[in-house]
Amino acid sequence: MKIEHYISQLLYRHQCVTVPGFGAFLTEIQSAHLHENTNSFYPPKKVISFNSHLKNNDGLLANHISQIEKTTYENAVASIESEVVIWNSIIQVNERFTLKNIGELHMNSEKNLVFTPSENINYLKESFGLNSFVSPAVKREQSKLVETVSIKEEDFIAEEKEVIEFTPEVSKGRPYLKYAAILVLAISVTGTIGFKMFENHVSQETLLVETAVQKQVQNKIQEATFLIETPIPSVTLTVKEEKLLYHIVAGAFRNEENAQNIYTDLLKSGFKARRIAPNRHGLFPVLYGSYATYTEAQQAMLEIQKANNPDAWLMVKAL
């Protein structure tokens, strides 16, 4: 049985796969990286290593083989032991042994196993479909130095030029133009003031009109009379009387006169006493009162038993 195939399957899901009696294959996640010499980019991957000191059977590989091959756990362990014997024999003879898609094992000068992982497969599931690629180097152009131009000192010496004097020409007087300008200015000022006065006048007139309209509207509202030709019929609400199901019984008397006397005494004592119809035994019951909830009735009965009548009892009945 070639068990390296099953080891390869387990390396996708587990960080450690132990081969009993041989060693353990360990995985460690390596981040994406760049190889500067070749300009190659590599995706994240699981790096495989080997530890020859971890030889105890953890059951992982044997259980996996027994499930895939549909055999017993003991048969899977026996198959692994047989395969390990073959591996050790190959390493002793050839000093080198290759596990497909896992890596190569060989003996060094000190007779220790050295493992070289395979680069053909990436066991990191998150990197499925990501391959390495080579990117051409980016060429950067160096900026050209700006040539310096020597400028002679005499180039900055300004040439002396002949000074030209300007003599303002005195215009001949035209006095009528001055008066015309004053007249235009006066007209413009007067027009501005007149326009402002006109605006104020229009605003005052508008305010008076609005005030008068508002007064008329208010008068109309005060004089208005609203008549309802068909009045809405009155609605009579009937409140359903709450049922009192819990009753505290003072006693049931064979003589109706005695029942009436007890009823009168209870009313005088402040109880909301009641008399109800005779029961099936012909007795006339007298009640201390009736209550809507069991809690209220229970509390009232305890108070009555403590202060008045220890024989009072609670009756539940729709009367």
C-alpha atoms as a PDB file:
ATOM      1  CA  MET A   1       0.000   0.000   0.000  1.00  0.00           C
ATOM      2  CA  LYS A   2       1.327   3.444  -0.967  1.00  0.00           C
ATOM      3  CA  ILE A   3       0.500   5.487   2.126  1.00  0.00           C
ATOM      4  CA  GLU A   4       2.137   8.728   0.896  1.00  0.00           C
ATOM      5  CA  HIS A   5      -1.084   9.441  -1.013  1.00  0.00           C
ATOM      6  CA  TYR A   6      -3.048   9.425   2.241  1.00  0.00           C
ATOM      7  CA  ILE A   7      -0.396  11.544   3.961  1.00  0.00           C
ATOM      8  CA  SER A   8      -0.749  14.081   1.182  1.00  0.00           C
ATOM      9  CA  GLN A   9      -4.526  14.225   1.685  1.00  0.00           C
ATOM     10  CA  LEU A  10      -4.179  14.834   5.427  1.00  0.00           C
ATOM     11  CA  LEU A  11      -1.618  17.631   4.966  1.00  0.00           C
ATOM     12  CA  TYR A  12      -4.379  19.830   3.467  1.00  0.00           C
ATOM     13  CA  ARG A  13      -6.392  19.696   6.718  1.00  0.00           C
ATOM     14  CA  HIS A  14      -3.883  19.086   9.515  1.00  0.00           C
ATOM     15  CA  GLN A  15      -0.658  20.675  10.729  1.00  0.00           C
ATOM     16  CA  CYS A  16       0.909  17.402  11.804  1.00  0.00           C
ATOM     17  CA  VAL A  17       0.652  13.949  10.211  1.00  0.00           C
ATOM     18  CA  THR A  18       2.546  11.243  12.066  1.00  0.00           C
ATOM     19  CA  VAL A  19       3.713   8.024  10.458  1.00  0.00           C
ATOM     20  CA  PRO A  20       4.010   5.566  13.395  1.00  0.00           C
ATOM     21  CA  GLY A  21       7.552   4.189  13.810  1.00  0.00           C
ATOM     22  CA  PHE A  22       9.005   6.592  11.184  1.00  0.00           C
ATOM     23  CA  GLY A  23       8.416  10.307  11.975  1.00  0.00           C
ATOM     24  CA  ALA A  24       6.031  13.224  11.586  1.00  0.00           C
ATOM     25  CA  PHE A  25       5.434  15.651   8.719  1.00  0.00           C
ATOM     26  CA  LEU A  26       4.751  19.176  10.017  1.00  0.00           C
ATOM     27  CA  THR A  27       3.308  22.182   8.161  1.00  0.00           C
ATOM     28  CA  GLU A  28       3.789  25.902   8.742  1.00  0.00           C
ATOM     29  CA  ILE A  29       2.069  28.728   6.842  1.00  0.00           C
ATOM     30  CA  GLN A  30       4.428  30.996   4.927  1.00  0.00           C
ATOM     31  CA  SER A  31       3.254  34.425   3.733  1.00  0.00           C
ATOM     32  CA  ALA A  32       3.463  35.575   0.129  1.00  0.00           C
ATOM     33  CA  HIS A  33       6.976  36.685  -0.790  1.00  0.00           C
ATOM     34  CA  LEU A  34       9.113  38.120  -3.596  1.00  0.00           C
ATOM     35  CA  HIS A  35      12.366  36.660  -4.896  1.00  0.00           C
ATOM     36  CA  GLU A  36      14.304  39.796  -5.799  1.00  0.00           C
ATOM     37  CA  ASN A  37      16.942  38.131  -7.972  1.00  0.00           C
ATOM     38  CA  THR A  38      14.417  36.558 -10.344  1.00  0.00           C
ATOM     39  CA  ASN A  39      11.558  39.099  -9.832  1.00  0.00           C
ATOM     40  CA  SER A  40       9.269  36.163  -8.985  1.00  0.00           C
ATOM     41  CA  PHE A  41       6.166  36.495  -6.807  1.00  0.00           C
ATOM     42  CA  TYR A  42       5.024  33.476  -4.762  1.00  0.00           C
ATOM     43  CA  PRO A  43       1.579  33.100  -3.094  1.00  0.00           C
ATOM     44  CA  PRO A  44       1.108  32.023   0.575  1.00  0.00           C
ATOM     45  CA  LYS A  45       1.715  28.333   1.139  1.00  0.00           C
ATOM     46  CA  LYS A  46       2.258  25.597   3.700  1.00  0.00           C
ATOM     47  CA  VAL A  47       5.921  24.749   4.185  1.00  0.00           C
ATOM     48  CA  ILE A  48       6.474  21.075   5.058  1.00  0.00           C
ATOM     49  CA  SER A  49       9.155  19.890   7.483  1.00  0.00           C
ATOM     50  CA  PHE A  50      10.013  16.502   8.967  1.00  0.00           C
ATOM     51  CA  ASN A  51      10.702  15.463  12.562  1.00  0.00           C
ATOM     52  CA  SER A  52      12.117  11.960  12.993  1.00  0.00           C
ATOM     53  CA  HIS A  53      11.613  12.018  16.784  1.00  0.00           C
ATOM     54  CA  LEU A  54       7.790  12.080  16.629  1.00  0.00           C
ATOM     55  CA  LYS A  55       7.026   8.410  16.048  1.00  0.00           C
ATOM     56  CA  ASN A  56       4.134   7.641  18.407  1.00  0.00           C
ATOM     57  CA  ASN A  57       0.885   6.588  16.779  1.00  0.00           C
ATOM     58  CA  ASP A  58      -1.742   9.346  17.214  1.00  0.00           C
ATOM     59  CA  GLY A  59      -4.342   7.389  15.223  1.00  0.00           C
ATOM     60  CA  LEU A  60      -4.862  10.078  12.556  1.00  0.00           C
ATOM     61  CA  LEU A  61      -3.272   8.312   9.609  1.00  0.00           C
ATOM     62  CA  ALA A  62      -4.577   4.840  10.569  1.00  0.00           C
ATOM     63  CA  ASN A  63      -8.183   6.086  10.972  1.00  0.00           C
ATOM     64  CA  HIS A  64      -8.030   7.881   7.642  1.00  0.00           C
ATOM     65  CA  ILE A  65      -6.751   4.785   5.826  1.00  0.00           C
ATOM     66  CA  SER A  66      -9.350   2.529   7.484  1.00  0.00           C
ATOM     67  CA  GLN A  67     -12.180   4.841   6.351  1.00  0.00           C
ATOM     68  CA  ILE A  68     -10.924   5.206   2.764  1.00  0.00           C
ATOM     69  CA  GLU A  69     -10.000   1.542   2.291  1.00  0.00           C
ATOM     70  CA  LYS A  70     -13.066   0.375   4.277  1.00  0.00           C
ATOM     71  CA  THR A  71     -11.011  -1.888   6.463  1.00  0.00           C
ATOM     72  CA  THR A  72     -10.402  -2.255  10.189  1.00  0.00           C
ATOM     73  CA  TYR A  73      -8.165  -0.006  12.223  1.00  0.00           C
ATOM     74  CA  GLU A  74      -5.831  -2.916  13.032  1.00  0.00           C
ATOM     75  CA  ASN A  75      -5.365  -3.713   9.326  1.00  0.00           C
ATOM     76  CA  ALA A  76      -4.568  -0.057   8.626  1.00  0.00           C
ATOM     77  CA  VAL A  77      -1.916  -0.021  11.391  1.00  0.00           C
ATOM     78  CA  ALA A  78      -0.373  -3.239  10.001  1.00  0.00           C
ATOM     79  CA  SER A  79      -0.236  -1.731   6.496  1.00  0.00           C
ATOM     80  CA  ILE A  80       1.559   1.362   7.823  1.00  0.00           C
ATOM     81  CA  GLU A  81       4.122  -0.807   9.666  1.00  0.00           C
ATOM     82  CA  SER A  82       4.822  -2.796   6.489  1.00  0.00           C
ATOM     83  CA  GLU A  83       5.288   0.396   4.470  1.00  0.00           C
ATOM     84  CA  VAL A  84       7.668   1.845   7.081  1.00  0.00           C
ATOM     85  CA  VAL A  85       9.838  -1.298   6.872  1.00  0.00           C
ATOM     86  CA  ILE A  86      10.090  -0.819   3.083  1.00  0.00           C
ATOM     87  CA  TRP A  87      11.008   2.877   3.495  1.00  0.00           C
ATOM     88  CA  ASN A  88      13.766   2.160   5.983  1.00  0.00           C
ATOM     89  CA  SER A  89      15.189  -0.539   3.721  1.00  0.00           C
ATOM     90  CA  ILE A  90      15.302   1.824   0.715  1.00  0.00           C
ATOM     91  CA  ILE A  91      16.999   4.549   2.770  1.00  0.00           C
ATOM     92  CA  GLN A  92      19.612   2.113   4.122  1.00  0.00           C
ATOM     93  CA  VAL A  93      20.476   0.898   0.625  1.00  0.00           C
ATOM     94  CA  ASN A  94      20.122   4.065  -1.504  1.00  0.00           C
ATOM     95  CA  GLU A  95      20.517   6.653   1.271  1.00  0.00           C
ATOM     96  CA  ARG A  96      17.753   8.543  -0.535  1.00  0.00           C
ATOM     97  CA  PHE A  97      13.988   8.144  -0.750  1.00  0.00           C
ATOM     98  CA  THR A  98      11.289  10.271  -2.437  1.00  0.00           C
ATOM     99  CA  LEU A  99       7.648  10.603  -1.340  1.00  0.00           C
ATOM    100  CA  LYS A 100       5.483  11.826  -4.197  1.00  0.00           C
ATOM    101  CA  ASN A 101       4.115  15.379  -3.710  1.00  0.00           C
ATOM    102  CA  ILE A 102       5.673  15.500  -0.222  1.00  0.00           C
ATOM    103  CA  GLY A 103       9.450  15.664  -0.530  1.00  0.00           C
ATOM    104  CA  GLU A 104      12.742  13.780  -0.499  1.00  0.00           C
ATOM    105  CA  LEU A 105      14.497  12.074   2.445  1.00  0.00           C
ATOM    106  CA  HIS A 106      18.214  11.299   2.440  1.00  0.00           C
ATOM    107  CA  MET A 107      20.935  10.383   4.890  1.00  0.00           C
ATOM    108  CA  ASN A 108      23.591  12.972   5.666  1.00  0.00           C
ATOM    109  CA  SER A 109      27.189  12.301   6.692  1.00  0.00           C
ATOM    110  CA  GLU A 110      26.103  11.907  10.311  1.00  0.00           C
ATOM    111  CA  LYS A 111      23.536   9.252   9.370  1.00  0.00           C
ATOM    112  CA  ASN A 112      20.599  11.542  10.131  1.00  0.00           C
ATOM    113  CA  LEU A 113      17.540  11.911   7.932  1.00  0.00           C
ATOM    114  CA  VAL A 114      17.352  15.222   6.073  1.00  0.00           C
ATOM    115  CA  PHE A 115      14.086  16.266   4.438  1.00  0.00           C
ATOM    116  CA  THR A 116      13.705  18.487   1.359  1.00  0.00           C
ATOM    117  CA  PRO A 117      10.066  19.508   0.726  1.00  0.00           C
ATOM    118  CA  SER A 118       8.489  19.286  -2.702  1.00  0.00           C
ATOM    119  CA  GLU A 119       7.717  22.530  -4.541  1.00  0.00           C
ATOM    120  CA  ASN A 120       5.154  20.981  -6.904  1.00  0.00           C
ATOM    121  CA  ILE A 121       2.094  21.322  -4.672  1.00  0.00           C
ATOM    122  CA  ASN A 122       0.700  23.935  -2.248  1.00  0.00           C
ATOM    123  CA  TYR A 123      -1.184  22.446   0.714  1.00  0.00           C
ATOM    124  CA  LEU A 124      -2.721  25.784   1.776  1.00  0.00           C
ATOM    125  CA  LYS A 125      -6.391  25.599   0.722  1.00  0.00           C
ATOM    126  CA  GLU A 126      -6.795  29.378   0.795  1.00  0.00           C
ATOM    127  CA  SER A 127      -4.179  29.685  -1.992  1.00  0.00           C
ATOM    128  CA  PHE A 128      -5.980  27.325  -4.354  1.00  0.00           C
ATOM    129  CA  GLY A 129      -5.605  28.562  -7.931  1.00  0.00           C
ATOM    130  CA  LEU A 130      -2.812  31.031  -7.103  1.00  0.00           C
ATOM    131  CA  ASN A 131       0.394  30.419  -9.019  1.00  0.00           C
ATOM    132  CA  SER A 132       3.771  32.088  -8.909  1.00  0.00           C
ATOM    133  CA  PHE A 133       4.621  34.543 -11.677  1.00  0.00           C
ATOM    134  CA  VAL A 134       7.560  36.601 -12.888  1.00  0.00           C
ATOM    135  CA  SER A 135       7.189  40.347 -13.289  1.00  0.00           C
ATOM    136  CA  PRO A 136       9.672  42.298 -15.427  1.00  0.00           C
ATOM    137  CA  ALA A 137      11.767  44.801 -13.567  1.00  0.00           C
ATOM    138  CA  VAL A 138      10.468  48.358 -13.581  1.00  0.00           C
ATOM    139  CA  LYS A 139      12.896  50.705 -15.315  1.00  0.00           C
ATOM    140  CA  ARG A 140      13.100  54.137 -13.808  1.00  0.00           C
ATOM    141  CA  GLU A 141      14.527  56.997 -15.900  1.00  0.00           C
ATOM    142  CA  GLN A 142      17.022  59.251 -14.202  1.00  0.00           C
ATOM    143  CA  SER A 143      16.171  62.898 -14.297  1.00  0.00           C
ATOM    144  CA  LYS A 144      18.432  64.896 -16.589  1.00  0.00           C
ATOM    145  CA  LEU A 145      20.543  67.595 -15.031  1.00  0.00           C
ATOM    146  CA  VAL A 146      19.635  71.068 -16.125  1.00  0.00           C
ATOM    147  CA  GLU A 147      22.526  72.680 -17.830  1.00  0.00           C
ATOM    148  CA  THR A 148      23.671  75.837 -16.122  1.00  0.00           C
ATOM    149  CA  VAL A 149      24.030  78.860 -18.311  1.00  0.00           C
ATOM    150  CA  SER A 150      26.641  81.409 -17.339  1.00  0.00           C
ATOM    151  CA  ILE A 151      25.375  84.893 -17.464  1.00  0.00           C
ATOM    152  CA  LYS A 152      27.761  87.743 -17.763  1.00  0.00           C
ATOM    153  CA  GLU A 153      27.663  90.411 -15.161  1.00  0.00           C
ATOM    154  CA  GLU A 154      27.433  93.136 -17.724  1.00  0.00           C
ATOM    155  CA  ASP A 155      24.120  91.685 -18.999  1.00  0.00           C
ATOM    156  CA  PHE A 156      22.487  92.900 -15.795  1.00  0.00           C
ATOM    157  CA  ILE A 157      23.740  96.460 -16.250  1.00  0.00           C
ATOM    158  CA  ALA A 158      20.818  98.478 -17.442  1.00  0.00           C
ATOM    159  CA  GLU A 159      21.487 100.886 -20.197  1.00  0.00           C
ATOM    160  CA  GLU A 160      21.016 104.493 -19.355  1.00  0.00           C
ATOM    161  CA  LYS A 161      18.257 106.036 -21.340  1.00  0.00           C
ATOM    162  CA  GLU A 162      17.379 109.610 -21.932  1.00  0.00           C
ATOM    163  CA  VAL A 163      14.867 110.887 -19.379  1.00  0.00           C
ATOM    164  CA  ILE A 164      11.674 112.104 -20.971  1.00  0.00           C
ATOM    165  CA  GLU A 165       9.818 114.810 -19.128  1.00  0.00           C
ATOM    166  CA  PHE A 166       6.038 115.010 -19.394  1.00  0.00           C
ATOM    167  CA  THR A 167       4.440 118.392 -19.106  1.00  0.00           C
ATOM    168  CA  PRO A 168       0.681 118.240 -18.500  1.00  0.00           C
ATOM    169  CA  GLU A 169      -1.331 120.352 -20.894  1.00  0.00           C
ATOM    170  CA  VAL A 170      -3.552 122.898 -19.236  1.00  0.00           C
ATOM    171  CA  SER A 171      -6.992 122.724 -20.775  1.00  0.00           C
ATOM    172  CA  LYS A 172      -8.799 125.889 -21.604  1.00  0.00           C
ATOM    173  CA  GLY A 173     -11.611 126.736 -19.320  1.00  0.00           C
ATOM    174  CA  ARG A 174     -15.198 125.895 -20.296  1.00  0.00           C
ATOM    175  CA  PRO A 175     -17.316 127.041 -17.342  1.00  0.00           C
ATOM    176  CA  TYR A 176     -20.641 125.855 -18.768  1.00  0.00           C
ATOM    177  CA  LEU A 177     -19.540 122.211 -18.563  1.00  0.00           C
ATOM    178  CA  LYS A 178     -19.077 122.563 -14.805  1.00  0.00           C
ATOM    179  CA  TYR A 179     -22.654 123.784 -14.342  1.00  0.00           C
ATOM    180  CA  ALA A 180     -23.989 121.027 -16.579  1.00  0.00           C
ATOM    181  CA  ALA A 181     -22.285 118.374 -14.406  1.00  0.00           C
ATOM    182  CA  ILE A 182     -23.756 119.921 -11.261  1.00  0.00           C
ATOM    183  CA  LEU A 183     -27.215 119.856 -12.818  1.00  0.00           C
ATOM    184  CA  VAL A 184     -26.940 116.158 -13.784  1.00  0.00           C
ATOM    185  CA  LEU A 185     -25.773 115.282 -10.273  1.00  0.00           C
ATOM    186  CA  ALA A 186     -28.682 117.173  -8.688  1.00  0.00           C
ATOM    187  CA  ILE A 187     -31.191 115.426 -10.954  1.00  0.00           C
ATOM    188  CA  SER A 188     -29.802 111.978 -10.079  1.00  0.00           C
ATOM    189  CA  VAL A 189     -29.904 112.709  -6.337  1.00  0.00           C
ATOM    190  CA  THR A 190     -33.446 114.058  -6.571  1.00  0.00           C
ATOM    191  CA  GLY A 191     -34.545 111.010  -8.565  1.00  0.00           C
ATOM    192  CA  THR A 192     -33.101 108.646  -5.966  1.00  0.00           C
ATOM    193  CA  ILE A 193     -34.805 110.430  -3.076  1.00  0.00           C
ATOM    194  CA  GLY A 194     -38.086 110.579  -4.982  1.00  0.00           C
ATOM    195  CA  PHE A 195     -37.958 106.861  -5.739  1.00  0.00           C
ATOM    196  CA  LYS A 196     -37.391 106.073  -2.049  1.00  0.00           C
ATOM    197  CA  MET A 197     -40.376 108.244  -1.087  1.00  0.00           C
ATOM    198  CA  PHE A 198     -42.504 106.508  -3.697  1.00  0.00           C
ATOM    199  CA  GLU A 199     -41.552 103.100  -2.347  1.00  0.00           C
ATOM    200  CA  ASN A 200     -42.442 104.149   1.211  1.00  0.00           C
ATOM    201  CA  HIS A 201     -45.799 105.485   0.032  1.00  0.00           C
ATOM    202  CA  VAL A 202     -46.625 102.231  -1.808  1.00  0.00           C
ATOM    203  CA  SER A 203     -45.678 100.159   1.269  1.00  0.00           C
ATOM    204  CA  GLN A 204     -47.923 102.259   3.537  1.00  0.00           C
ATOM    205  CA  GLU A 205     -50.853 101.944   1.140  1.00  0.00           C
ATOM    206  CA  THR A 206     -50.364  98.164   0.878  1.00  0.00           C
ATOM    207  CA  LEU A 207     -50.311  97.828   4.670  1.00  0.00           C
ATOM    208  CA  LEU A 208     -53.552  99.805   5.019  1.00  0.00           C
ATOM    209  CA  VAL A 209     -55.285  97.634   2.420  1.00  0.00           C
ATOM    210  CA  GLU A 210     -54.123  94.407   4.077  1.00  0.00           C
ATOM    211  CA  THR A 211     -55.286  95.644   7.496  1.00  0.00           C
ATOM    212  CA  ALA A 212     -58.730  96.483   6.152  1.00  0.00           C
ATOM    213  CA  VAL A 213     -59.074  93.082   4.478  1.00  0.00           C
ATOM    214  CA  GLN A 214     -58.096  91.306   7.693  1.00  0.00           C
ATOM    215  CA  LYS A 215     -60.708  93.240   9.679  1.00  0.00           C
ATOM    216  CA  GLN A 216     -63.413  92.284   7.174  1.00  0.00           C
ATOM    217  CA  VAL A 217     -62.436  88.611   7.338  1.00  0.00           C
ATOM    218  CA  GLN A 218     -62.516  88.644  11.153  1.00  0.00           C
ATOM    219  CA  ASN A 219     -65.960  90.255  11.144  1.00  0.00           C
ATOM    220  CA  LYS A 220     -67.262  87.648   8.706  1.00  0.00           C
ATOM    221  CA  ILE A 221     -65.893  84.846  10.864  1.00  0.00           C
ATOM    222  CA  GLN A 222     -67.516  86.288  14.017  1.00  0.00           C
ATOM    223  CA  GLU A 223     -70.865  86.736  12.240  1.00  0.00           C
ATOM    224  CA  ALA A 224     -70.848  83.242  10.697  1.00  0.00           C
ATOM    225  CA  THR A 225     -73.315  80.697  12.073  1.00  0.00           C
ATOM    226  CA  PHE A 226     -72.801  76.999  11.533  1.00  0.00           C
ATOM    227  CA  LEU A 227     -75.941  74.888  11.331  1.00  0.00           C
ATOM    228  CA  ILE A 228     -75.961  71.075  11.301  1.00  0.00           C
ATOM    229  CA  GLU A 229     -79.064  69.884   9.487  1.00  0.00           C
ATOM    230  CA  THR A 230     -78.747  66.240  10.509  1.00  0.00           C
ATOM    231  CA  PRO A 231     -77.315  65.887  13.990  1.00  0.00           C
ATOM    232  CA  ILE A 232     -75.326  62.778  14.830  1.00  0.00           C
ATOM    233  CA  PRO A 233     -77.427  60.340  16.886  1.00  0.00           C
ATOM    234  CA  SER A 234     -76.355  59.851  20.453  1.00  0.00           C
ATOM    235  CA  VAL A 235     -74.433  56.678  21.253  1.00  0.00           C
ATOM    236  CA  THR A 236     -75.268  54.676  24.343  1.00  0.00           C
ATOM    237  CA  LEU A 237     -72.416  52.576  25.720  1.00  0.00           C
ATOM    238  CA  THR A 238     -73.257  49.541  27.754  1.00  0.00           C
ATOM    239  CA  VAL A 239     -70.543  48.508  30.203  1.00  0.00           C
ATOM    240  CA  LYS A 240     -70.567  44.816  30.839  1.00  0.00           C
ATOM    241  CA  GLU A 241     -70.724  44.135  34.531  1.00  0.00           C
ATOM    242  CA  GLU A 242     -67.698  42.362  35.884  1.00  0.00           C
ATOM    243  CA  LYS A 243     -68.405  38.837  37.097  1.00  0.00           C
ATOM    244  CA  LEU A 244     -67.671  38.169  40.745  1.00  0.00           C
ATOM    245  CA  LEU A 245     -66.826  34.480  40.970  1.00  0.00           C
ATOM    246  CA  TYR A 246     -65.224  34.309  44.424  1.00  0.00           C
ATOM    247  CA  HIS A 247     -67.469  34.508  47.524  1.00  0.00           C
ATOM    248  CA  ILE A 248     -66.747  34.368  51.263  1.00  0.00           C
ATOM    249  CA  VAL A 249     -69.511  32.389  53.010  1.00  0.00           C
ATOM    250  CA  ALA A 250     -70.519  33.437  56.555  1.00  0.00           C
ATOM    251  CA  GLY A 251     -72.825  30.456  56.963  1.00  0.00           C
ATOM    252  CA  ALA A 252     -75.801  28.526  55.586  1.00  0.00           C
ATOM    253  CA  PHE A 253     -78.913  28.532  57.819  1.00  0.00           C
ATOM    254  CA  ARG A 254     -81.930  26.222  57.862  1.00  0.00           C
ATOM    255  CA  ASN A 255     -84.124  29.018  59.248  1.00  0.00           C
ATOM    256  CA  GLU A 256     -84.522  31.910  56.811  1.00  0.00           C
ATOM    257  CA  GLU A 257     -85.152  34.351  59.669  1.00  0.00           C
ATOM    258  CA  ASN A 258     -81.774  33.544  61.184  1.00  0.00           C
ATOM    259  CA  ALA A 259     -80.159  34.053  57.785  1.00  0.00           C
ATOM    260  CA  GLN A 260     -81.840  37.478  57.500  1.00  0.00           C
ATOM    261  CA  ASN A 261     -80.638  38.515  60.984  1.00  0.00           C
ATOM    262  CA  ILE A 262     -77.008  37.561  60.181  1.00  0.00           C
ATOM    263  CA  TYR A 263     -77.263  39.432  56.857  1.00  0.00           C
ATOM    264  CA  THR A 264     -78.501  42.593  58.664  1.00  0.00           C
ATOM    265  CA  ASP A 265     -75.709  42.390  61.256  1.00  0.00           C
ATOM    266  CA  LEU A 266     -73.065  42.056  58.529  1.00  0.00           C
ATOM    267  CA  LEU A 267     -74.376  45.134  56.700  1.00  0.00           C
ATOM    268  CA  LYS A 268     -74.221  47.130  59.950  1.00  0.00           C
ATOM    269  CA  SER A 269     -70.619  45.943  60.445  1.00  0.00           C
ATOM    270  CA  GLY A 270     -69.634  47.424  57.067  1.00  0.00           C
ATOM    271  CA  PHE A 271     -69.515  44.279  54.934  1.00  0.00           C
ATOM    272  CA  LYS A 272     -71.015  44.174  51.432  1.00  0.00           C
ATOM    273  CA  ALA A 273     -73.095  41.213  52.526  1.00  0.00           C
ATOM    274  CA  ARG A 274     -75.335  39.234  50.216  1.00  0.00           C
ATOM    275  CA  ARG A 275     -78.056  36.614  50.452  1.00  0.00           C
ATOM    276  CA  ILE A 276     -78.304  34.088  47.692  1.00  0.00           C
ATOM    277  CA  ALA A 277     -80.882  31.502  46.724  1.00  0.00           C
ATOM    278  CA  PRO A 278     -81.240  28.404  48.885  1.00  0.00           C
ATOM    279  CA  ASN A 279     -78.931  25.542  47.965  1.00  0.00           C
ATOM    280  CA  ARG A 280     -79.985  22.011  47.063  1.00  0.00           C
ATOM    281  CA  HIS A 281     -80.135  21.088  50.756  1.00  0.00           C
ATOM    282  CA  GLY A 282     -82.679  23.815  51.481  1.00  0.00           C
ATOM    283  CA  LEU A 283     -80.247  26.001  53.433  1.00  0.00           C
ATOM    284  CA  PHE A 284     -80.104  29.809  53.121  1.00  0.00           C
ATOM    285  CA  PRO A 285     -76.477  30.960  52.525  1.00  0.00           C
ATOM    286  CA  VAL A 286     -75.227  34.412  53.674  1.00  0.00           C
ATOM    287  CA  LEU A 287     -72.086  35.930  52.145  1.00  0.00           C
ATOM    288  CA  TYR A 288     -69.644  38.436  53.597  1.00  0.00           C
ATOM    289  CA  GLY A 289     -69.015  39.668  50.049  1.00  0.00           C
ATOM    290  CA  SER A 290     -68.018  38.721  46.499  1.00  0.00           C
ATOM    291  CA  TYR A 291     -64.727  39.393  44.656  1.00  0.00           C
ATOM    292  CA  ALA A 292     -63.474  39.396  41.094  1.00  0.00           C
ATOM    293  CA  THR A 293     -60.085  37.743  41.703  1.00  0.00           C
ATOM    294  CA  TYR A 294     -58.932  34.854  43.822  1.00  0.00           C
ATOM    295  CA  THR A 295     -56.171  36.955  45.405  1.00  0.00           C
ATOM    296  CA  GLU A 296     -58.589  39.588  46.704  1.00  0.00           C
ATOM    297  CA  ALA A 297     -60.974  36.933  48.024  1.00  0.00           C
ATOM    298  CA  GLN A 298     -58.195  34.966  49.724  1.00  0.00           C
ATOM    299  CA  GLN A 299     -56.839  38.071  51.463  1.00  0.00           C
ATOM    300  CA  ALA A 300     -60.316  39.117  52.645  1.00  0.00           C
ATOM    301  CA  MET A 301     -61.097  35.605  53.934  1.00  0.00           C
ATOM    302  CA  LEU A 302     -57.888  35.493  56.009  1.00  0.00           C
ATOM    303  CA  GLU A 303     -58.741  38.842  57.601  1.00  0.00           C
ATOM    304  CA  ILE A 304     -62.336  37.714  58.376  1.00  0.00           C
ATOM    305  CA  GLN A 305     -61.169  34.400  59.864  1.00  0.00           C
ATOM    306  CA  LYS A 306     -58.699  36.240  62.069  1.00  0.00           C
ATOM    307  CA  ALA A 307     -61.059  38.981  63.299  1.00  0.00           C
ATOM    308  CA  ASN A 308     -64.666  37.719  63.043  1.00  0.00           C
ATOM    309  CA  ASN A 309     -65.400  34.177  61.995  1.00  0.00           C
ATOM    310  CA  PRO A 310     -62.801  31.357  61.951  1.00  0.00           C
ATOM    311  CA  ASP A 311     -65.333  29.141  60.113  1.00  0.00           C
ATOM    312  CA  ALA A 312     -65.691  31.468  57.084  1.00  0.00           C
ATOM    313  CA  TRP A 313     -64.824  29.693  53.834  1.00  0.00           C
ATOM    314  CA  LEU A 314     -64.331  30.518  50.176  1.00  0.00           C
ATOM    315  CA  MET A 315     -66.832  29.465  47.522  1.00  0.00           C
ATOM    316  CA  VAL A 316     -66.137  29.702  43.774  1.00  0.00           C
ATOM    317  CA  LYS A 317     -69.339  29.955  41.787  1.00  0.00           C
ATOM    318  CA  ALA A 318     -70.942  32.101  39.098  1.00  0.00           C
ATOM    319  CA  LEU A 319     -74.035  33.628  40.691  1.00  0.00           C
END
